[in-house]
Protein backbone atom coordinates (compact mmCIF):
# COMPACT_ATOMS: atom_id res chain seq x y z
CA MET A 1 119.83 99.63 92.10
CA VAL A 2 118.72 97.32 94.93
CA ASP A 3 120.59 93.93 95.07
CA MET A 4 118.41 91.07 94.49
CA LYS A 5 118.40 88.10 96.91
CA ARG A 6 119.26 84.80 95.62
CA PRO A 7 116.22 82.62 95.54
CA GLU A 8 117.67 80.36 98.19
CA GLU A 9 118.25 83.38 100.63
CA LEU A 10 114.47 84.06 100.79
CA ARG A 11 112.55 82.61 103.62
CA SER A 12 109.91 81.19 101.35
CA HIS A 13 112.51 78.97 99.85
CA GLN A 14 112.19 76.47 102.77
CA TRP A 15 108.73 75.78 101.65
CA TYR A 16 109.30 75.90 97.92
CA GLY A 17 112.68 75.43 97.15
CA THR A 18 114.09 72.16 98.33
CA ASP A 19 114.22 68.59 96.85
CA GLY A 20 111.90 66.93 99.77
CA LEU A 21 108.53 65.85 99.73
CA ARG A 22 107.10 68.68 101.45
CA SER A 23 108.65 71.16 98.87
CA PHE A 24 107.08 68.94 96.31
CA SER A 25 103.66 68.98 97.97
CA HIS A 26 103.64 72.83 98.50
CA ARG A 27 104.70 73.32 94.82
CA ALA A 28 101.79 71.00 93.78
CA ARG A 29 99.30 72.82 95.79
CA THR A 30 100.21 76.22 94.52
CA ARG A 31 99.63 74.78 91.08
CA GLN A 32 96.15 73.74 92.34
CA LEU A 33 95.80 77.40 93.17
CA GLY A 34 96.28 78.11 89.44
CA TYR A 35 99.81 79.78 89.59
CA LEU A 36 102.43 78.92 86.97
CA PRO A 37 106.06 78.03 88.53
CA GLU A 38 107.44 81.27 86.94
CA GLU A 39 104.79 83.28 88.62
CA HIS A 40 106.25 82.43 92.10
CA LEU A 41 109.45 80.44 92.27
CA GLY A 42 112.53 82.28 93.39
CA LYS A 43 110.39 85.40 93.97
CA PRO A 44 109.73 87.27 97.28
CA VAL A 45 106.17 85.95 98.59
CA ILE A 46 104.38 89.03 100.12
CA ALA A 47 101.60 88.39 102.60
CA VAL A 48 98.91 91.16 102.32
CA LEU A 49 96.95 91.12 105.50
CA ASN A 50 93.60 92.54 104.89
CA THR A 51 91.31 93.64 107.70
CA TRP A 52 88.20 94.31 105.13
CA SER A 53 84.80 92.98 106.09
CA ASP A 54 81.13 93.80 105.11
CA ILE A 55 80.63 95.21 108.71
CA ASN A 56 83.40 97.53 108.99
CA PRO A 57 82.80 100.75 107.23
CA CYS A 58 86.48 102.03 107.86
CA HIS A 59 87.78 99.28 105.94
CA VAL A 60 85.06 98.53 103.28
CA HIS A 61 87.30 99.77 100.54
CA LEU A 62 90.27 97.85 101.38
CA ARG A 63 88.97 94.91 99.10
CA ASP A 64 89.74 96.96 96.27
CA ARG A 65 92.84 98.56 97.74
CA ALA A 66 94.47 95.13 98.21
CA GLN A 67 94.28 94.68 94.44
CA ALA A 68 96.45 97.83 94.10
CA VAL A 69 98.84 96.49 96.69
CA LYS A 70 98.98 93.33 94.81
CA ARG A 71 99.68 95.21 91.41
CA GLY A 72 102.80 96.75 93.06
CA VAL A 73 104.00 93.71 94.28
CA TRP A 74 103.55 91.99 90.97
CA GLN A 75 105.35 94.84 89.00
CA ALA A 76 108.26 94.72 91.52
CA GLY A 77 108.83 91.09 90.92
CA GLY A 78 107.20 89.53 93.87
CA PHE A 79 104.38 87.25 94.64
CA PRO A 80 101.57 88.61 96.61
CA LEU A 81 99.19 86.40 98.64
CA GLU A 82 96.18 88.04 100.20
CA PHE A 83 95.08 87.01 103.87
CA PRO A 84 91.88 87.91 105.64
CA VAL A 85 92.44 88.84 109.31
CA SER A 86 90.12 90.01 112.11
CA THR A 87 88.41 93.28 111.28
CA LEU A 88 87.86 95.07 114.59
CA SER A 89 84.88 97.18 113.55
CA GLU A 90 84.98 100.02 116.10
CA THR A 91 81.42 100.83 115.38
CA PHE A 92 79.81 97.45 115.81
CA GLN A 93 81.92 95.14 117.91
CA LYS A 94 80.85 94.85 121.62
CA PRO A 95 81.78 95.16 124.22
CA THR A 96 84.74 96.93 122.61
CA PRO A 97 87.18 95.94 119.84
CA MET A 98 89.86 96.60 122.66
CA LEU A 99 89.08 93.40 123.94
CA TYR A 100 90.17 91.74 120.74
CA ARG A 101 93.04 93.98 119.79
CA ASN A 102 95.62 91.36 121.29
CA LEU A 103 93.75 88.61 119.63
CA LEU A 104 94.33 90.18 115.98
CA ALA A 105 98.02 90.82 117.17
CA MET A 106 98.33 87.03 117.85
CA GLU A 107 96.72 86.14 114.71
CA THR A 108 99.08 88.56 112.69
CA GLU A 109 102.22 87.15 114.35
CA GLU A 110 101.26 83.38 114.03
CA LEU A 111 100.16 83.71 110.62
CA LEU A 112 103.31 85.67 109.29
CA ARG A 113 105.37 83.03 111.02
CA SER A 114 103.53 80.08 109.91
CA TYR A 115 103.28 80.59 106.16
CA PRO A 116 105.98 80.85 103.32
CA VAL A 117 106.24 84.76 103.36
CA ASP A 118 109.28 86.83 102.99
CA GLY A 119 107.62 90.40 103.83
CA ALA A 120 104.13 91.73 104.58
CA VAL A 121 101.62 94.56 103.76
CA LEU A 122 99.46 95.32 106.68
CA MET A 123 96.10 96.89 105.77
CA GLY A 124 94.27 98.76 108.58
CA GLY A 125 93.40 102.05 110.05
CA CYS A 126 90.19 101.57 112.36
CA ASP A 127 91.34 102.42 115.87
CA LYS A 128 92.68 99.01 117.33
CA SER A 129 93.65 97.72 113.92
CA THR A 130 96.72 99.69 113.46
CA PRO A 131 98.42 98.68 116.73
CA ALA A 132 97.20 95.05 116.66
CA LEU A 133 98.82 94.48 113.24
CA LEU A 134 102.07 96.25 114.08
CA MET A 135 102.34 94.61 117.54
CA GLY A 136 102.00 91.19 115.85
CA ALA A 137 104.37 92.07 112.96
CA ALA A 138 107.01 93.27 115.24
CA SER A 139 107.17 89.92 117.09
CA VAL A 140 107.87 88.18 113.91
CA ASP A 141 110.31 90.92 112.39
CA LEU A 142 109.90 90.67 108.64
CA PRO A 143 110.16 93.39 106.39
CA THR A 144 106.90 95.26 106.58
CA VAL A 145 104.78 98.09 105.16
CA PHE A 146 101.71 99.64 106.73
CA VAL A 147 98.86 100.84 104.33
CA PRO A 148 96.62 102.98 106.27
CA ALA A 149 92.86 102.89 105.32
CA GLY A 150 92.57 106.83 105.12
CA PRO A 151 89.90 109.15 106.59
CA MET A 152 86.62 109.38 105.19
CA LEU A 153 85.26 112.35 103.48
CA PRO A 154 84.05 115.39 105.57
CA GLY A 155 80.38 115.08 106.92
CA HIS A 156 77.65 117.66 105.87
CA TRP A 157 74.49 118.85 107.26
CA ARG A 158 72.50 122.10 106.67
CA ASN A 159 75.68 123.89 105.23
CA GLU A 160 77.43 122.76 108.32
CA VAL A 161 80.71 120.72 108.23
CA LEU A 162 80.57 117.71 110.31
CA GLY A 163 83.47 115.70 112.08
CA SER A 164 82.44 111.93 112.62
CA GLY A 165 82.23 111.02 116.30
CA THR A 166 82.93 114.66 117.51
CA ASP A 167 79.83 116.12 116.14
CA MET A 168 77.78 112.83 117.09
CA TRP A 169 78.51 113.68 120.68
CA LYS A 170 77.66 117.43 120.07
CA TYR A 171 74.36 116.95 118.64
CA TRP A 172 73.28 113.92 120.79
CA ASP A 173 73.82 116.44 123.59
CA ASP A 174 71.76 119.42 121.77
CA LYS A 175 68.99 116.73 121.42
CA ARG A 176 69.17 115.88 125.21
CA ALA A 177 69.02 119.53 126.01
CA GLY A 178 65.91 120.04 123.78
CA LEU A 179 67.50 122.02 121.08
CA ILE A 180 67.02 119.78 118.04
CA GLY A 181 64.52 117.01 117.52
CA ASP A 182 64.03 113.59 115.74
CA CYS A 183 63.89 115.38 112.21
CA GLU A 184 67.22 116.79 112.57
CA MET A 185 68.93 113.55 114.11
CA THR A 186 67.53 111.73 111.12
CA GLU A 187 69.23 114.10 108.68
CA LEU A 188 72.31 113.85 110.59
CA GLU A 189 72.38 110.05 110.41
CA SER A 190 72.82 110.47 106.52
CA GLY A 191 75.23 113.23 106.77
CA LEU A 192 77.79 112.33 109.62
CA ALA A 193 79.66 109.61 107.47
CA ARG A 194 79.57 109.97 103.80
CA SER A 195 82.27 107.68 102.44
CA PRO A 196 84.41 104.58 103.46
CA GLY A 197 87.34 105.66 105.71
CA HIS A 198 88.10 105.91 109.26
CA CYS A 199 86.98 108.96 111.23
CA MET A 200 88.20 112.13 109.78
CA THR A 201 88.72 114.08 113.08
CA MET A 202 91.92 113.60 114.74
CA GLY A 203 90.49 110.71 116.79
CA THR A 204 92.14 107.39 117.33
CA ALA A 205 92.26 106.12 113.99
CA SER A 206 93.89 109.25 112.50
CA THR A 207 96.17 109.56 115.50
CA LEU A 208 97.42 105.87 115.18
CA THR A 209 98.07 106.16 111.29
CA ALA A 210 99.85 109.24 111.83
CA ALA A 211 101.98 107.44 114.59
CA ALA A 212 102.57 104.60 112.07
CA GLU A 213 103.86 107.28 109.51
CA ALA A 214 106.16 108.87 112.16
CA LEU A 215 107.52 105.54 113.24
CA GLY A 216 108.46 105.10 109.52
CA VAL A 217 106.41 101.97 108.52
CA THR A 218 104.53 103.82 105.58
CA VAL A 219 105.21 105.47 102.54
CA PRO A 220 105.57 109.27 102.99
CA GLY A 221 102.25 111.05 103.42
CA ALA A 222 100.16 107.88 103.42
CA SER A 223 98.30 108.58 106.66
CA SER A 224 96.25 111.45 105.80
CA ILE A 225 95.14 110.54 102.12
CA PRO A 226 91.46 110.36 102.15
CA ALA A 227 90.15 106.82 101.71
CA VAL A 228 88.14 107.46 98.21
CA ASP A 229 90.98 109.77 96.70
CA SER A 230 92.64 108.08 93.74
CA GLY A 231 95.78 108.99 95.45
CA HIS A 232 95.04 106.35 98.10
CA ASP A 233 94.95 103.79 95.30
CA ARG A 234 98.40 104.99 94.11
CA MET A 235 99.70 104.87 97.75
CA ALA A 236 98.69 101.15 98.00
CA ALA A 237 100.45 100.37 94.85
CA ALA A 238 103.44 102.05 95.99
CA SER A 239 103.50 100.21 99.12
CA GLY A 240 103.51 97.11 97.09
CA LEU A 241 106.26 98.11 95.10
CA ARG A 242 108.24 99.02 98.20
CA ILE A 243 107.95 95.77 100.16
CA VAL A 244 109.70 93.87 97.44
CA GLU A 245 112.49 96.24 97.73
CA LEU A 246 112.77 95.88 101.45
CA VAL A 247 112.78 92.08 101.22
CA HIS A 248 115.74 92.35 98.93
CA GLN A 249 117.42 94.87 101.35
CA ASP A 250 116.60 92.87 104.41
CA ARG A 251 115.24 95.82 106.19
CA ARG A 252 113.19 94.48 108.93
CA LEU A 253 110.74 96.10 111.22
CA SER A 254 113.48 95.85 114.21
CA ASP A 255 115.33 98.29 111.99
CA ILE A 256 112.69 100.66 111.78
CA LEU A 257 110.99 100.24 115.24
CA THR A 258 113.88 101.96 117.37
CA ARG A 259 113.80 103.85 120.44
CA GLU A 260 114.04 106.99 118.62
CA ALA A 261 111.46 106.12 116.17
CA PHE A 262 108.92 105.56 119.22
CA GLU A 263 110.09 108.96 120.71
CA ASP A 264 109.20 110.61 117.36
CA ALA A 265 105.94 109.11 117.00
CA VAL A 266 104.99 110.15 120.71
CA LEU A 267 106.17 113.53 119.88
CA THR A 268 104.17 113.50 116.70
CA VAL A 269 100.90 112.45 118.10
CA LEU A 270 101.13 114.94 120.99
CA GLY A 271 101.67 117.81 118.47
CA LEU A 272 98.83 116.90 116.60
CA GLY A 273 96.51 117.00 119.48
CA VAL A 274 96.59 113.24 120.06
CA SER A 275 93.86 110.70 121.02
CA THR A 276 94.43 109.47 124.38
CA ASN A 277 94.31 105.96 123.31
CA ALA A 278 97.68 106.44 121.50
CA VAL A 279 99.18 106.42 124.84
CA ILE A 280 98.13 102.79 125.47
CA HIS A 281 98.50 101.50 121.95
CA LEU A 282 102.31 103.09 121.58
CA ILE A 283 103.32 101.71 124.93
CA ALA A 284 102.11 98.21 123.75
CA MET A 285 103.55 98.47 120.35
CA ALA A 286 106.94 99.64 121.85
CA GLY A 287 107.08 96.77 124.20
CA ARG A 288 106.65 94.37 121.12
CA ALA A 289 109.48 96.08 119.57
CA GLY A 290 111.72 95.62 122.94
CA VAL A 291 111.46 99.44 123.64
CA ARG A 292 110.59 100.36 127.16
CA LEU A 293 107.98 103.24 126.84
CA THR A 294 106.30 104.73 129.76
CA LEU A 295 103.75 107.40 130.70
CA ASP A 296 106.43 109.68 132.18
CA ASP A 297 107.88 109.62 128.46
CA PHE A 298 104.68 111.04 127.30
CA ASP A 299 104.55 113.80 130.04
CA ARG A 300 108.23 114.50 129.52
CA ILE A 301 107.90 114.87 125.59
CA ALA A 302 104.62 116.81 126.05
CA ARG A 303 106.35 119.55 127.64
CA THR A 304 108.68 119.99 124.56
CA VAL A 305 106.36 119.95 121.65
CA PRO A 306 103.48 122.57 120.97
CA VAL A 307 100.15 121.53 119.31
CA LEU A 308 100.35 122.80 115.85
CA ALA A 309 97.56 120.89 113.97
CA ASP A 310 94.22 122.88 114.20
CA VAL A 311 92.01 119.55 113.64
CA ARG A 312 89.12 118.64 115.70
CA PRO A 313 88.72 117.67 118.39
CA GLY A 314 91.65 119.02 119.88
CA GLY A 315 91.66 121.91 117.33
CA GLU A 316 88.55 124.01 116.40
CA ARG A 317 88.03 124.25 112.91
CA TYR A 318 89.55 121.60 110.36
CA LEU A 319 89.33 117.96 109.37
CA MET A 320 91.89 115.31 108.19
CA GLU A 321 91.21 116.23 104.37
CA ASP A 322 92.22 120.05 105.25
CA PHE A 323 95.40 118.49 106.98
CA HIS A 324 96.23 116.34 104.04
CA PHE A 325 95.93 119.40 101.54
CA ALA A 326 97.89 121.42 104.01
CA GLY A 327 100.99 119.24 103.67
CA GLY A 328 100.09 116.17 105.53
CA LEU A 329 102.45 114.54 108.01
CA PRO A 330 105.60 115.38 105.90
CA GLY A 331 104.39 118.87 106.42
CA PHE A 332 103.77 118.80 109.92
CA LEU A 333 107.24 117.31 110.58
CA SER A 334 108.97 119.82 108.66
CA ARG A 335 107.83 122.33 111.21
CA ILE A 336 109.45 120.34 114.07
CA PRO A 337 112.81 119.04 112.60
CA ASP A 338 114.89 119.99 115.57
CA LEU A 339 112.82 117.90 117.70
CA LEU A 340 113.20 114.70 115.61
CA HIS A 341 115.63 112.12 115.31
CA LEU A 342 116.39 112.61 111.65
CA ASP A 343 119.07 109.92 111.07
CA ARG A 344 116.95 106.80 111.64
CA PRO A 345 115.90 104.66 108.77
CA THR A 346 112.16 104.50 107.54
CA VAL A 347 110.81 101.89 105.10
CA ALA A 348 110.96 104.53 102.33
CA HIS A 349 114.40 106.13 102.97
CA ASP A 350 117.54 105.61 104.50
CA THR A 351 116.84 108.52 106.94
CA LEU A 352 113.96 110.60 108.11
CA ARG A 353 115.95 113.51 107.16
CA GLU A 354 115.62 112.39 103.41
CA GLN A 355 111.96 111.46 103.91
CA ILE A 356 110.90 114.97 104.72
CA ALA A 357 113.46 117.06 102.68
CA GLY A 358 111.51 119.42 100.60
CA ALA A 359 108.14 118.79 102.65
CA GLN A 360 106.10 122.02 102.88
CA VAL A 361 103.08 123.32 104.58
CA TYR A 362 100.50 125.15 102.33
CA ASP A 363 97.96 126.35 104.95
CA ASP A 364 99.40 127.91 108.04
CA ASP A 365 95.89 127.94 109.66
CA VAL A 366 95.69 124.31 109.50
CA ILE A 367 99.28 123.29 110.42
CA ARG A 368 100.51 126.28 112.47
CA PRO A 369 103.72 127.69 112.67
CA ARG A 370 105.57 127.40 115.96
CA ASP A 371 104.94 130.86 117.07
CA ASN A 372 101.11 130.41 116.77
CA PRO A 373 100.43 126.99 118.06
CA VAL A 374 97.12 125.65 119.02
CA ALA A 375 98.42 124.98 122.50
CA LYS A 376 101.90 125.50 123.86
CA GLU A 377 102.16 121.92 125.29
CA GLY A 378 101.34 118.58 123.80
CA GLY A 379 97.76 117.46 124.00
CA VAL A 380 97.90 115.16 126.61
CA ALA A 381 98.99 115.29 130.48
CA VAL A 382 99.82 112.34 132.68
CA LEU A 383 98.50 112.80 136.28
CA ARG A 384 99.61 111.10 139.40
CA GLY A 385 98.34 111.01 142.89
CA ASN A 386 96.66 108.74 145.45
CA LEU A 387 93.70 108.02 143.20
CA CYS A 388 95.97 106.99 140.53
CA PRO A 389 99.23 105.85 141.81
CA ASP A 390 100.29 104.45 138.32
CA GLY A 391 99.12 107.20 136.58
CA ALA A 392 96.09 108.61 134.65
CA VAL A 393 95.74 110.78 131.56
CA ILE A 394 93.84 113.68 130.40
CA LYS A 395 93.47 115.49 126.93
CA HIS A 396 93.39 118.87 128.60
CA ILE A 397 93.36 120.95 125.13
CA ALA A 398 89.76 119.54 124.90
CA ALA A 399 88.57 120.53 128.24
CA GLU A 400 87.03 123.67 129.37
CA PRO A 401 89.93 125.74 130.83
CA GLN A 402 88.19 126.63 134.25
CA LEU A 403 87.99 122.82 134.92
CA LEU A 404 91.73 122.10 134.83
CA ARG A 405 92.08 123.05 138.45
CA HIS A 406 88.99 121.95 140.07
CA THR A 407 87.92 120.56 143.55
CA GLY A 408 84.43 119.08 143.94
CA PRO A 409 82.31 116.11 145.52
CA ALA A 410 82.39 112.76 143.80
CA VAL A 411 79.10 111.03 142.18
CA VAL A 412 80.09 107.31 142.13
CA PHE A 413 78.72 104.98 139.58
CA ASP A 414 79.81 101.45 139.81
CA ASP A 415 79.21 100.40 136.38
CA TYR A 416 78.14 101.89 133.12
CA ARG A 417 74.83 100.39 132.79
CA THR A 418 73.81 101.69 136.47
CA MET A 419 75.27 105.21 135.36
CA GLN A 420 72.99 105.08 132.38
CA ARG A 421 70.05 104.21 134.11
CA THR A 422 70.39 106.76 136.92
CA ILE A 423 72.46 109.76 135.58
CA ASN A 424 69.31 111.99 135.22
CA ASP A 425 68.02 111.01 138.77
CA PRO A 426 67.18 114.46 140.53
CA GLY A 427 67.98 112.51 143.76
CA LEU A 428 71.59 112.19 142.92
CA GLY A 429 71.85 116.00 143.49
CA ILE A 430 74.55 116.40 140.63
CA THR A 431 75.72 119.84 139.88
CA ALA A 432 78.24 121.45 137.61
CA ASP A 433 80.77 121.47 140.48
CA SER A 434 80.37 117.51 140.92
CA VAL A 435 83.09 115.06 139.72
CA LEU A 436 81.24 112.09 137.97
CA VAL A 437 83.17 108.82 138.78
CA LEU A 438 82.93 105.53 136.98
CA ARG A 439 84.53 102.42 138.06
CA ASN A 440 84.58 98.95 136.85
CA ALA A 441 85.23 99.97 133.32
CA GLY A 442 89.10 99.16 133.05
CA PRO A 443 90.83 96.26 131.24
CA LYS A 444 89.52 93.45 133.31
CA GLY A 445 86.54 95.33 134.83
CA GLY A 446 84.97 96.67 131.68
CA PRO A 447 85.54 94.00 130.31
CA GLY A 448 88.20 95.28 127.65
CA MET A 449 88.41 98.90 128.66
CA PRO A 450 85.42 100.26 126.68
CA GLU A 451 85.23 103.94 125.50
CA TYR A 452 82.98 104.85 128.47
CA GLY A 453 84.99 107.59 129.89
CA MET A 454 83.26 110.75 128.37
CA LEU A 455 80.42 110.30 130.90
CA PRO A 456 77.22 112.03 129.90
CA ILE A 457 76.19 115.27 131.50
CA PRO A 458 72.92 115.00 133.02
CA ASP A 459 69.93 116.63 131.03
CA HIS A 460 69.05 118.97 133.62
CA LEU A 461 72.52 120.55 133.35
CA LEU A 462 72.68 120.38 129.58
CA LYS A 463 69.43 122.52 129.53
CA GLN A 464 71.36 124.88 131.85
CA GLY A 465 73.93 125.35 129.16
CA VAL A 466 76.54 123.03 130.89
CA ARG A 467 78.82 121.28 128.43
CA ASP A 468 81.67 120.03 130.39
CA MET A 469 82.20 118.47 133.89
CA VAL A 470 85.20 116.91 135.47
CA ARG A 471 84.87 113.10 134.82
CA ILE A 472 87.24 110.31 136.04
CA SER A 473 87.10 106.59 135.27
CA ASP A 474 89.42 103.50 134.55
CA ALA A 475 87.91 103.52 131.23
CA ARG A 476 88.96 105.07 127.90
CA MET A 477 87.46 107.62 125.86
CA SER A 478 86.93 107.90 122.06
CA GLY A 479 89.70 109.77 120.22
CA THR A 480 86.68 111.98 118.79
CA SER A 481 85.58 112.86 122.36
CA TYR A 482 86.47 115.91 124.20
CA GLY A 483 85.95 117.28 127.81
CA ALA A 484 87.57 117.23 131.13
CA CYS A 485 87.71 113.58 131.41
CA VAL A 486 90.46 111.74 133.30
CA LEU A 487 91.03 108.38 131.91
CA HIS A 488 93.01 105.01 132.23
CA VAL A 489 93.22 105.44 135.95
CA ALA A 490 95.84 102.82 137.01
CA PRO A 491 95.41 100.51 138.81
CA GLU A 492 91.89 99.93 137.90
CA SER A 493 89.13 99.76 140.38
CA TYR A 494 88.27 96.16 139.42
CA VAL A 495 91.64 94.75 140.82
CA GLY A 496 91.28 96.88 143.93
CA GLY A 497 92.87 100.16 142.80
CA PRO A 498 92.26 103.31 144.78
CA LEU A 499 89.18 104.26 142.51
CA ALA A 500 87.37 101.09 144.05
CA LEU A 501 87.66 103.02 147.54
CA VAL A 502 85.69 106.47 146.42
CA ARG A 503 82.44 107.25 147.97
CA THR A 504 79.75 109.62 146.78
CA GLY A 505 80.42 112.82 148.46
CA ASP A 506 84.42 112.48 148.82
CA ARG A 507 85.85 115.43 147.34
CA ILE A 508 88.39 115.01 144.52
CA THR A 509 91.13 117.56 143.32
CA LEU A 510 92.18 117.75 139.83
CA ASP A 511 95.23 119.89 139.00
CA VAL A 512 96.51 119.66 135.42
CA GLU A 513 99.20 122.24 136.03
CA ALA A 514 100.60 120.34 138.90
CA ARG A 515 99.77 116.99 137.12
CA THR A 516 97.93 115.60 140.16
CA LEU A 517 94.72 113.86 140.93
CA ARG A 518 93.81 113.55 144.62
CA LEU A 519 91.10 111.86 146.55
CA GLU A 520 90.70 114.21 149.63
CA VAL A 521 90.53 111.55 152.20
CA ASP A 522 93.21 110.63 154.77
CA ASP A 523 95.18 107.46 154.55
CA GLU A 524 93.76 105.78 157.69
CA GLU A 525 90.32 106.14 156.19
CA LEU A 526 91.38 104.81 152.94
CA GLU A 527 93.02 101.79 154.44
CA ARG A 528 89.97 100.94 156.59
CA ARG A 529 88.05 100.95 153.34
CA ARG A 530 90.42 98.75 151.65
CA ALA A 531 90.24 96.26 154.37
CA ARG A 532 86.47 96.02 153.72
CA TRP A 533 86.76 95.75 149.84
CA THR A 534 86.00 92.48 148.36
CA PRO A 535 86.95 91.42 144.74
CA PRO A 536 84.13 91.46 142.22
CA PRO A 537 83.40 88.08 140.51
CA GLU A 538 85.39 86.98 137.59
CA ARG A 539 83.81 88.28 134.13
CA TYR A 540 84.68 85.00 132.09
CA GLU A 541 84.78 81.39 133.21
CA ARG A 542 86.07 79.91 129.84
CA GLY A 543 87.11 80.99 126.27
CA TYR A 544 88.92 83.74 124.90
CA GLY A 545 87.57 86.10 127.82
CA ALA A 546 89.32 83.79 130.32
CA LEU A 547 92.62 84.02 128.59
CA TYR A 548 92.15 87.62 128.32
CA ASN A 549 91.15 88.14 132.08
CA GLU A 550 94.32 85.94 133.24
CA GLN A 551 96.94 87.65 130.96
CA ILE A 552 95.86 91.22 130.48
CA THR A 553 98.02 93.95 131.95
CA GLN A 554 97.10 97.46 133.09
CA ALA A 555 96.80 100.59 131.17
CA ASP A 556 99.96 102.09 132.11
CA THR A 557 101.81 99.33 130.45
CA GLY A 558 99.94 99.12 127.39
CA CYS A 559 97.12 96.37 128.12
CA ASP A 560 99.06 93.59 126.39
CA PHE A 561 99.00 90.01 127.18
CA ALA A 562 101.66 89.26 129.63
CA PHE A 563 102.64 86.24 127.64
CA LEU A 564 103.20 88.11 124.52
CA ALA A 565 104.74 91.01 126.07
CA ARG A 566 107.60 89.25 127.63
CA PRO A 567 110.86 88.99 125.84
CA GLY A 568 111.95 85.59 124.33
CA GLN A 569 112.66 83.93 121.02
CA VAL A 570 110.01 82.01 118.97
CA PRO A 571 111.74 79.79 116.14
CA ASP A 572 110.54 79.76 112.82
CA PRO A 573 108.86 76.57 111.89
CA TYR A 574 110.73 73.66 110.18
CA ALA A 575 109.04 73.68 106.67
CA GLY A 576 110.59 70.41 105.37
């Protein structure tokens, strides 16, 4: 049995339970909302933060799921209040929802702090929503449960199972190579994404919701339940039940988001085949929890864990529904208990050990045994060198092996629009050995660090059968993407990082095994180029963009806002 908090011990009591004028006003306005005193007075008030919107296909079902969450809260004796928050639709928001991740984090933090709530249920799943919600909630430190939106159903086309994003890139290249035409592309439009839910590949969305479950902020198994499965409704209700218990236990996010939890989350995503975006987001999330997580931690942990999930694009065959029915994340974690911190708490259990006790794997092809891994090391490598002194990353398990050690001449594009316009120009002399370089696509230069990193291969090479090349940028890459793409080069070119000094024809060496990325130009020449470099003009003169440009940190430190990432206390508001 959970010991019940006395009404006066609840945070919401400051708003509702005193004898002052303000409490009278708060109670009167709650009557205006149509609630009886016995429905809410003395009960835990639970904020249900919902990222639903009409233009977010990943979250379009969350309006219904919020009702299931509220059902669970009511049954546990709590009082749920639903709050709409920014939706961050990966598909439609430009230049990139990454520009607005920190805005949703700010909204989450200030909403939870300023309203009479005792705990929170966070509803998200599309790429940036998971880290944004957890970053904001961590800064407030209330009891919190995360409800993942869930993956969509597998795509289908002409008896072929499709993975959203991954197969979009594949068939777009087929069209450019002349292998398929407009009729096939029209059919693919209707077969690629068949239901509500986020990408059903191990892209950024599935990676980050798996990270949330590994951190211990979801109920067990939540991250892989398909969005339209009735189990997803039950999971949402269970989350509503659990948050009320957490309030009574006073189990806060700071009890869950420990150093050990973040190490286990890093271990998990690396063993799943990982979206490279997870590196930036987990570093930012850890920073909000007061945990220092670095690129070196990712590279160190990657050398200790094999990739066991054969889920596209890091794997070759399966999708998230297959992963779910093979055992989901509990089954996956049951393969690596010796690598985990089993005695840390989660929102559902006193220890992770209890949470995964009895978990099983039901399909060894989907979640591999340790002696038959997809890859011997975790799915991301961290690179260093004179081209990326603060680091860069590559998802090497999704690249053609012969390119993991490669030297070739650079072909440089100063911005994405120029690249789009000129990539097929025969005058550029691009060959399969060339190294495509895109700059001014980082946090400030993008702006917002868009997913431009999977640079298109020129049409003439596609027609010759070339499907991968070494590509380097200070941009990000969709978690559904693949290829020998070096990403997150830090510092970015826009602020004068070494990428700004590369010239077409310079030779660049990538060596993943040695973890190096080097521009083969001597230091003296680089200094001469640096002396002639001039900063580009500011992207924004006013508004949120100006705040972003002023406060954003670089990729290696998580792209958070400096004034949000720094330590310091923020008091609860005075409610009387």
